[in-house]
Amino acid sequence: MAPALLGLVPFGFVAGVAAIGSGLTPAQGVALSVLSFSGIAQLVACQLIAVHSPVIVTVAAAAVVSLRFLMYSAAIAAQLAHLDWRWRALLSYLMTDQSYAASARRYSEPGANEHKHWHFLGSAMMLYVPWQASVIAGVVAGAAVPATWSLDFAVVLTFIALLVPAVRTRADLGAAIVALPAVLFWRNARPFKASAASTSTMTSAMPCRKTASSAA
């Protein structure tokens, strides 16, 4: 999980700064992070709060950019089916792009899945604690951070650290290449670009993965 932390820590700092910049109090900024635990959703919410959007619009936008978690959950639902509802509720709350990627790789390895949820929990907690600490640091720093620092790069860095370890085969590489035009097309579709890009990326990459599976 160390590569993911390289982007996650500054990303969390950016989320904390954005919360204060949107007009939230420090307590509200930290509460937003604890309740949502989603960097993209937090940034979208802060952008809409800053322009005084209605609550229902803010909540709906945050929900839309989080739709990718439905796909993540469906992808590993069978592996978690033996757990009771409390375990599933905890893991669903802690699920992030990074913890899903790590857990999906773990579940793809040979062996019984009976105890692999502990790996999921460990991976998620390794992200949860640094994230919340980074958000708190950003909240404390608040408006003192100059705009010239351009910390937005942290968001991109986070997903690069997530993508690179996941590209293991030629099929993975082909899927990434095929998906690139979809990402570029949706790059300016704010605030829904995260959901739109992820959905269209999976759709465009699917034929490549199916071709590779058929060949195997």
Protein backbone atom coordinates (compact mmCIF):
# COMPACT_ATOMS: atom_id res chain seq x y z
CA MET A 1 0.00 0.00 0.00
CA ALA A 2 3.03 2.28 0.24
CA PRO A 3 2.80 3.56 -3.38
CA ALA A 4 -0.84 4.55 -2.81
CA LEU A 5 0.13 6.61 0.23
CA LEU A 6 2.42 8.78 -1.93
CA GLY A 7 -0.61 10.30 -3.58
CA LEU A 8 -3.17 9.78 -0.83
CA VAL A 9 -1.48 11.95 1.80
CA PRO A 10 -1.28 15.14 -0.31
CA PHE A 11 -4.75 14.33 -1.73
CA GLY A 12 -6.15 14.27 1.80
CA PHE A 13 -4.38 17.55 2.55
CA VAL A 14 -6.00 19.10 -0.53
CA ALA A 15 -9.43 17.85 0.62
CA GLY A 16 -8.92 19.46 4.02
CA VAL A 17 -7.86 22.77 2.50
CA ALA A 18 -10.84 22.66 0.12
CA ALA A 19 -13.23 22.13 3.02
CA ILE A 20 -12.06 25.31 4.74
CA GLY A 21 -11.96 27.19 1.44
CA SER A 22 -15.61 26.32 0.82
CA GLY A 23 -16.66 28.01 4.04
CA LEU A 24 -16.98 24.99 6.32
CA THR A 25 -15.74 25.19 9.89
CA PRO A 26 -12.84 22.91 10.92
CA ALA A 27 -15.26 20.58 12.72
CA GLN A 28 -17.54 20.42 9.67
CA GLY A 29 -14.59 19.76 7.37
CA VAL A 30 -13.40 16.82 9.48
CA ALA A 31 -16.98 15.52 9.84
CA LEU A 32 -17.42 15.59 6.05
CA SER A 33 -14.30 13.45 5.68
CA VAL A 34 -15.32 10.95 8.37
CA LEU A 35 -18.88 10.59 7.09
CA SER A 36 -18.07 10.30 3.39
CA PHE A 37 -14.49 8.91 3.30
CA SER A 38 -14.24 9.61 -0.43
CA GLY A 39 -11.80 12.17 -1.74
CA ILE A 40 -13.58 12.85 -5.02
CA ALA A 41 -16.97 13.13 -3.31
CA GLN A 42 -15.50 15.50 -0.72
CA LEU A 43 -14.01 17.76 -3.38
CA VAL A 44 -17.27 17.82 -5.35
CA ALA A 45 -19.24 18.61 -2.20
CA CYS A 46 -16.85 21.42 -1.28
CA GLN A 47 -17.10 22.94 -4.77
CA LEU A 48 -20.89 23.00 -4.57
CA ILE A 49 -20.99 24.22 -0.97
CA ALA A 50 -18.69 27.10 -1.96
CA VAL A 51 -21.25 28.34 -4.50
CA HIS A 52 -24.18 27.80 -2.09
CA SER A 53 -25.80 24.98 -4.03
CA PRO A 54 -28.92 23.37 -2.49
CA VAL A 55 -28.26 20.47 -0.15
CA ILE A 56 -30.10 18.01 -2.39
CA VAL A 57 -27.92 18.99 -5.37
CA THR A 58 -24.74 18.59 -3.33
CA VAL A 59 -25.77 15.18 -2.00
CA ALA A 60 -26.88 14.01 -5.45
CA ALA A 61 -23.61 15.09 -7.06
CA ALA A 62 -21.57 13.31 -4.39
CA ALA A 63 -23.68 10.19 -4.91
CA VAL A 64 -23.23 10.26 -8.68
CA VAL A 65 -19.43 10.51 -8.54
CA SER A 66 -19.48 7.59 -6.09
CA LEU A 67 -21.42 5.25 -8.38
CA ARG A 68 -18.21 3.42 -9.25
CA PHE A 69 -18.38 1.79 -5.82
CA LEU A 70 -21.44 -0.13 -6.98
CA MET A 71 -19.25 -1.75 -9.64
CA TYR A 72 -16.48 -2.40 -7.12
CA SER A 73 -18.92 -3.98 -4.67
CA ALA A 74 -20.47 -6.19 -7.33
CA ALA A 75 -17.04 -7.36 -8.44
CA ILE A 76 -16.13 -8.79 -5.02
CA ALA A 77 -19.61 -9.55 -3.63
CA ALA A 78 -19.22 -13.29 -4.11
CA GLN A 79 -15.98 -13.34 -2.12
CA LEU A 80 -17.61 -11.52 0.81
CA ALA A 81 -20.93 -13.39 0.76
CA HIS A 82 -19.93 -15.62 3.70
CA LEU A 83 -19.55 -12.62 6.04
CA ASP A 84 -22.37 -11.32 8.22
CA TRP A 85 -23.97 -7.93 7.58
CA ARG A 86 -21.79 -6.15 10.15
CA TRP A 87 -18.59 -7.14 8.39
CA ARG A 88 -20.02 -6.22 4.99
CA ALA A 89 -21.23 -2.86 6.31
CA LEU A 90 -17.79 -2.08 7.76
CA LEU A 91 -15.95 -3.04 4.58
CA SER A 92 -18.39 -1.09 2.40
CA TYR A 93 -17.73 2.03 4.49
CA LEU A 94 -13.96 1.57 4.27
CA MET A 95 -13.89 0.73 0.55
CA THR A 96 -11.86 3.09 -1.61
CA ASP A 97 -10.34 2.82 -5.07
CA GLN A 98 -7.03 1.79 -3.51
CA SER A 99 -8.38 -0.76 -1.02
CA TYR A 100 -10.58 -2.30 -3.72
CA ALA A 101 -7.62 -2.66 -6.08
CA ALA A 102 -5.48 -4.28 -3.38
CA SER A 103 -8.26 -6.62 -2.29
CA ALA A 104 -9.21 -7.58 -5.84
CA ARG A 105 -5.61 -8.62 -6.48
CA ARG A 106 -5.62 -10.58 -3.22
CA TYR A 107 -8.87 -12.38 -4.04
CA SER A 108 -7.54 -13.29 -7.49
CA GLU A 109 -4.69 -15.26 -5.91
CA PRO A 110 -5.08 -19.03 -5.42
CA GLY A 111 -6.38 -20.25 -2.08
CA ALA A 112 -9.48 -20.12 0.05
CA ASN A 113 -11.20 -16.77 0.51
CA GLU A 114 -12.44 -17.52 4.01
CA HIS A 115 -10.01 -15.21 5.81
CA LYS A 116 -9.00 -12.80 3.04
CA HIS A 117 -11.39 -10.16 4.34
CA TRP A 118 -8.78 -9.46 7.02
CA HIS A 119 -6.47 -8.36 4.21
CA PHE A 120 -9.24 -6.08 2.96
CA LEU A 121 -9.67 -4.60 6.44
CA GLY A 122 -5.93 -4.14 6.95
CA SER A 123 -5.48 -2.48 3.57
CA ALA A 124 -8.42 -0.17 4.19
CA MET A 125 -7.21 0.87 7.65
CA MET A 126 -3.73 1.61 6.28
CA LEU A 127 -5.47 4.15 4.04
CA TYR A 128 -8.15 5.38 6.44
CA VAL A 129 -5.85 6.58 9.22
CA PRO A 130 -3.36 8.51 7.01
CA TRP A 131 -6.26 9.98 5.02
CA GLN A 132 -8.04 11.38 8.06
CA ALA A 133 -4.76 12.67 9.47
CA SER A 134 -4.00 14.39 6.15
CA VAL A 135 -7.47 15.94 6.01
CA ILE A 136 -7.05 17.27 9.56
CA ALA A 137 -3.68 18.76 8.58
CA GLY A 138 -5.32 20.43 5.57
CA VAL A 139 -8.15 21.75 7.73
CA VAL A 140 -5.66 23.22 10.18
CA ALA A 141 -3.62 24.80 7.37
CA GLY A 142 -6.78 26.07 5.66
CA ALA A 143 -6.42 29.26 3.66
CA ALA A 144 -2.78 29.63 4.69
CA VAL A 145 -1.80 27.36 1.78
CA PRO A 146 -0.98 29.55 -1.25
CA ALA A 147 -2.70 28.73 -4.55
CA THR A 148 0.72 28.74 -6.25
CA TRP A 149 1.47 25.39 -4.64
CA SER A 150 -0.93 23.75 -7.16
CA LEU A 151 -1.61 20.73 -4.95
CA ASP A 152 -4.25 19.42 -7.37
CA PHE A 153 -1.56 17.18 -8.85
CA ALA A 154 -2.04 14.95 -5.80
CA VAL A 155 -5.35 13.67 -7.19
CA VAL A 156 -3.68 12.52 -10.40
CA LEU A 157 -0.74 11.05 -8.49
CA THR A 158 -3.10 8.98 -6.34
CA PHE A 159 -4.71 7.28 -9.34
CA ILE A 160 -1.40 6.74 -11.13
CA ALA A 161 -0.15 4.90 -8.03
CA LEU A 162 -3.34 2.85 -8.15
CA LEU A 163 -3.21 2.05 -11.87
CA VAL A 164 0.42 1.05 -12.39
CA PRO A 165 0.47 -2.01 -10.05
CA ALA A 166 -2.82 -3.20 -11.58
CA VAL A 167 -1.34 -3.47 -15.10
CA ARG A 168 0.09 -6.96 -15.01
CA THR A 169 -0.69 -8.51 -18.41
CA ARG A 170 -0.97 -7.47 -22.03
CA ALA A 171 -4.76 -7.54 -21.60
CA ASP A 172 -4.47 -5.04 -18.72
CA LEU A 173 -2.21 -2.80 -20.79
CA GLY A 174 -4.56 -3.02 -23.77
CA ALA A 175 -7.53 -2.12 -21.57
CA ALA A 176 -5.66 0.90 -20.19
CA ILE A 177 -4.76 2.10 -23.69
CA VAL A 178 -8.30 1.62 -24.98
CA ALA A 179 -9.72 3.47 -21.96
CA LEU A 180 -7.46 6.52 -22.37
CA PRO A 181 -9.64 8.28 -24.98
CA ALA A 182 -12.67 7.93 -22.68
CA VAL A 183 -10.81 9.59 -19.83
CA LEU A 184 -9.66 12.45 -22.06
CA PHE A 185 -13.15 12.93 -23.43
CA TRP A 186 -14.71 13.30 -19.97
CA ARG A 187 -11.92 15.32 -18.36
CA ASN A 188 -13.93 18.55 -18.33
CA ALA A 189 -17.33 17.09 -17.40
CA ARG A 190 -17.43 18.56 -13.89
CA PRO A 191 -18.65 17.65 -11.35
CA PHE A 192 -19.59 14.27 -12.81
CA LYS A 193 -16.38 13.51 -14.65
CA ALA A 194 -15.19 10.88 -12.15
CA SER A 195 -18.33 8.77 -12.55
CA ALA A 196 -18.62 9.34 -16.30
CA ALA A 197 -14.97 8.58 -16.93
CA SER A 198 -14.92 5.45 -14.79
CA THR A 199 -18.12 4.06 -16.33
CA SER A 200 -17.08 4.74 -19.93
CA THR A 201 -13.58 3.46 -19.19
CA MET A 202 -14.86 0.10 -17.99
CA THR A 203 -17.24 -0.13 -20.95
CA SER A 204 -14.58 0.68 -23.52
CA ALA A 205 -12.01 -1.63 -21.96
CA MET A 206 -14.36 -4.63 -21.65
CA PRO A 207 -13.97 -5.91 -25.24
CA CYS A 208 -10.20 -5.96 -24.80
CA ARG A 209 -10.44 -8.00 -21.61
CA LYS A 210 -12.99 -10.37 -23.16
CA THR A 211 -10.74 -10.94 -26.16
CA ALA A 212 -7.83 -11.78 -23.89
CA SER A 213 -9.96 -14.16 -21.82
CA SER A 214 -11.20 -15.96 -24.94
CA ALA A 215 -7.65 -16.32 -26.23
CA ALA A 216 -6.58 -17.84 -22.92
